[in-house]
Protein backbone atom coordinates (compact mmCIF):
# COMPACT_ATOMS: atom_id res chain seq x y z
CA MET A 1 11.48 -27.82 3.52
CA ARG A 2 13.48 -29.02 5.92
CA ASN A 3 14.03 -24.95 6.59
CA VAL A 4 10.68 -24.33 6.91
CA ILE A 5 9.99 -26.88 9.58
CA ARG A 6 13.65 -26.19 11.57
CA ASN A 7 12.06 -22.11 11.13
CA PHE A 8 8.45 -22.89 12.08
CA ARG A 9 9.90 -24.65 15.82
CA ARG A 10 12.66 -22.19 16.25
CA SER A 11 9.57 -20.13 15.99
CA ARG A 12 6.96 -21.87 18.58
CA ASN A 13 9.25 -22.32 20.70
CA LEU A 14 10.29 -18.68 21.38
CA GLY A 15 6.43 -18.34 21.89
CA SER A 16 6.52 -20.75 24.85
CA CYS A 17 9.22 -18.77 25.88
CA SER A 18 7.78 -15.38 25.56
CA LEU A 19 4.62 -17.77 27.39
CA VAL A 20 6.29 -18.72 29.57
CA VAL A 21 7.98 -15.01 30.60
CA LEU A 22 4.92 -13.62 30.31
CA LEU A 23 3.34 -15.67 32.99
CA THR A 24 5.49 -15.22 35.24
CA ALA A 25 6.33 -11.00 35.00
CA CYS A 26 2.48 -11.59 35.61
CA ALA A 27 2.58 -14.02 39.26
CA ALA A 28 5.27 -11.29 39.93
CA ALA A 29 3.42 -8.50 40.05
CA GLU A 30 0.46 -10.12 41.95
CA PRO A 31 1.00 -9.20 45.79
CA THR A 32 2.22 -11.36 48.29
CA PRO A 33 -0.19 -11.69 51.39
CA GLU A 34 2.83 -9.92 53.70
CA GLN A 35 2.26 -6.62 50.49
CA THR A 36 -1.65 -7.04 50.90
CA ALA A 37 -1.47 -7.01 54.40
CA ALA A 38 0.65 -3.91 54.43
CA ASP A 39 -1.47 -2.02 52.21
CA ALA A 40 -4.62 -2.44 54.23
CA LYS A 41 -2.78 -1.83 56.81
CA ALA A 42 -1.93 1.91 55.37
CA THR A 43 -5.06 2.36 54.27
CA GLU A 44 -5.59 1.93 57.70
CA THR A 45 -4.09 4.14 58.61
CA ILE A 46 -4.49 7.13 56.39
CA ASP A 47 -8.35 6.27 57.16
CA GLN A 48 -7.95 6.83 61.12
CA ILE A 49 -6.39 9.99 60.49
CA LEU A 50 -8.95 11.09 58.14
CA ASN A 51 -11.80 10.22 60.20
CA ALA A 52 -10.17 11.81 63.18
CA PRO A 53 -12.52 15.26 64.06
CA LEU A 54 -9.93 18.57 63.67
CA ALA A 55 -10.21 21.93 65.12
CA SER A 56 -14.46 23.24 63.49
CA ASP A 57 -11.73 25.80 61.95
CA ALA A 58 -9.99 23.28 60.00
CA TYR A 59 -12.24 21.07 58.87
CA SER A 60 -13.86 21.30 55.44
CA LYS A 61 -15.65 18.44 52.90
CA PRO A 62 -13.67 16.85 50.45
CA GLU A 63 -13.51 19.51 47.39
CA ARG A 64 -14.73 18.10 43.93
CA CYS A 65 -12.08 20.09 41.95
CA LEU A 66 -8.83 22.71 42.86
CA SER A 67 -8.38 26.20 41.23
CA THR A 68 -4.36 25.31 40.01
CA PHE A 69 -3.88 29.28 41.55
CA GLU A 70 -4.41 27.06 45.03
CA TYR A 71 -1.49 25.03 44.37
CA ASP A 72 1.59 25.38 42.95
CA GLN A 73 3.29 21.45 44.06
CA MET A 74 1.89 17.21 43.60
CA GLU A 75 3.54 14.80 45.74
CA VAL A 76 3.37 11.40 45.04
CA LEU A 77 3.47 9.62 47.76
CA ASP A 78 2.48 5.99 46.21
CA ASP A 79 0.64 4.43 43.65
CA GLN A 80 -2.54 5.88 44.82
CA HIS A 81 -1.66 8.60 46.76
CA VAL A 82 -0.91 12.27 45.30
CA LEU A 83 -0.77 15.49 47.31
CA PHE A 84 -1.36 18.84 46.13
CA LYS A 85 0.31 21.17 48.42
CA GLY A 86 -0.38 25.12 48.46
CA ASN A 87 0.99 28.17 48.40
CA GLY A 88 0.23 29.03 51.93
CA ASP A 89 0.09 25.96 54.37
CA ASP A 90 -3.09 24.29 52.78
CA ILE A 91 -2.24 20.87 51.73
CA TRP A 92 -4.98 18.34 50.28
CA LEU A 93 -4.90 14.41 50.36
CA ASN A 94 -6.18 12.62 46.49
CA LYS A 95 -6.62 9.21 47.14
CA LEU A 96 -6.60 7.85 43.19
CA ARG A 97 -9.96 5.99 42.18
CA MET A 98 -8.00 2.77 41.93
CA ARG A 99 -4.09 1.93 41.77
CA CYS A 100 -2.30 3.57 38.92
CA ILE A 101 0.45 1.35 37.97
CA GLY A 102 4.36 2.96 36.76
CA LEU A 103 3.31 5.79 39.91
CA THR A 104 6.31 5.93 42.12
CA ARG A 105 6.68 8.85 44.64
CA ASN A 106 9.56 9.53 42.03
CA SER A 107 7.18 10.22 38.99
CA THR A 108 6.51 13.45 37.57
CA PRO A 109 3.38 14.09 37.12
CA VAL A 110 2.22 15.21 34.42
CA ILE A 111 -1.63 16.85 34.33
CA ARG A 112 -3.11 18.20 30.68
CA LEU A 113 -5.69 20.56 32.09
CA ARG A 114 -8.90 21.91 30.19
CA ASP A 115 -9.01 25.29 32.45
CA THR A 116 -7.57 26.60 35.93
CA GLN A 117 -9.63 24.06 37.30
CA VAL A 118 -8.33 19.95 38.48
CA CYS A 119 -11.48 17.93 39.18
CA ASP A 120 -11.73 14.80 40.74
CA MET A 121 -11.64 12.16 38.02
CA ASP A 122 -9.23 14.11 35.87
CA THR A 123 -6.52 11.88 34.79
CA PHE A 124 -2.42 12.16 34.58
CA GLN A 125 0.12 10.10 33.84
CA SER A 126 3.69 10.63 35.33
CA MET A 127 6.03 11.59 33.08
CA ASP A 128 10.04 11.42 33.04
CA THR A 129 13.19 12.12 30.87
CA MET A 130 14.99 9.93 28.80
CA LEU A 131 17.52 9.91 26.74
CA GLY A 132 17.03 13.57 26.63
CA MET A 133 13.13 13.19 25.24
CA TRP A 134 10.11 12.85 27.26
CA GLN A 135 8.69 9.15 28.43
CA ARG A 136 5.36 8.49 29.71
CA THR A 137 6.74 6.04 33.00
CA SER A 138 2.78 5.24 34.62
CA ALA A 139 -0.45 4.08 33.32
CA THR A 140 -3.23 7.04 32.84
CA CYS A 141 -4.11 7.88 36.38
CA SER A 142 -7.53 8.89 37.73
CA LEU A 143 -8.35 12.00 39.90
CA GLY A 144 -10.46 11.53 43.57
CA GLU A 145 -11.97 13.56 45.74
CA PHE A 146 -9.44 16.68 47.43
CA THR A 147 -9.60 15.92 50.98
CA PRO A 148 -8.60 18.98 52.90
CA VAL A 149 -5.47 18.03 55.47
CA THR A 150 -2.79 19.85 58.22
CA ALA A 151 1.00 19.67 57.85
CA GLU A 152 0.49 16.61 60.31
CA GLN A 153 -1.55 14.35 59.33
CA ALA A 154 0.18 14.90 55.65
CA LYS A 155 3.02 13.76 57.41
CA THR A 156 1.84 11.21 58.77
CA ILE A 157 0.48 9.16 56.44
CA GLU A 158 3.60 9.97 54.90
CA ALA A 159 4.88 8.07 57.17
CA ALA A 160 2.56 5.45 57.25
CA LEU A 161 2.88 4.81 53.34
CA THR A 162 6.66 4.41 53.77
CA GLU A 163 6.01 1.12 56.66
CA ALA A 164 3.97 0.03 54.23
CA ARG A 165 6.51 0.43 51.34
CA LYS A 166 9.46 -1.27 54.20
CA ALA A 167 6.71 -4.04 56.03
CA ARG A 168 6.77 -4.94 51.78
């Protein structure tokens, strides 16, 4: 009986210890005011870039879908922005519907396509190889609209997001 009580006390202590670790991890995951301000500044910069007037031949409205033949590369900028780079000078910025936990600049996004288009509301996950096996490294991410941007705008957006990361 003493062993049962001792084991119960141990498991109860481990449970409370696990709860403390879990609460500490959750508290650490919340952004600091400095991080929130840096994210707001980066978002403001991106909005300014996207709202800046372009030459009439370079301007087009956001697109709901892209053909898989229109782009050949996806570049993750942060946990909410992905660039789709086309075969020529075509570049589209996709602002994900919400932040995607675990998505980083080094992520390899994998989209499960239903046909030859990738569209607003389609989902993907980032994958990476660990010990020779593919493993998921992010939550499921949901795409937004595809906003055409120039190469110069893309560089400015990347710089703004890099500055925001440094400010954290």
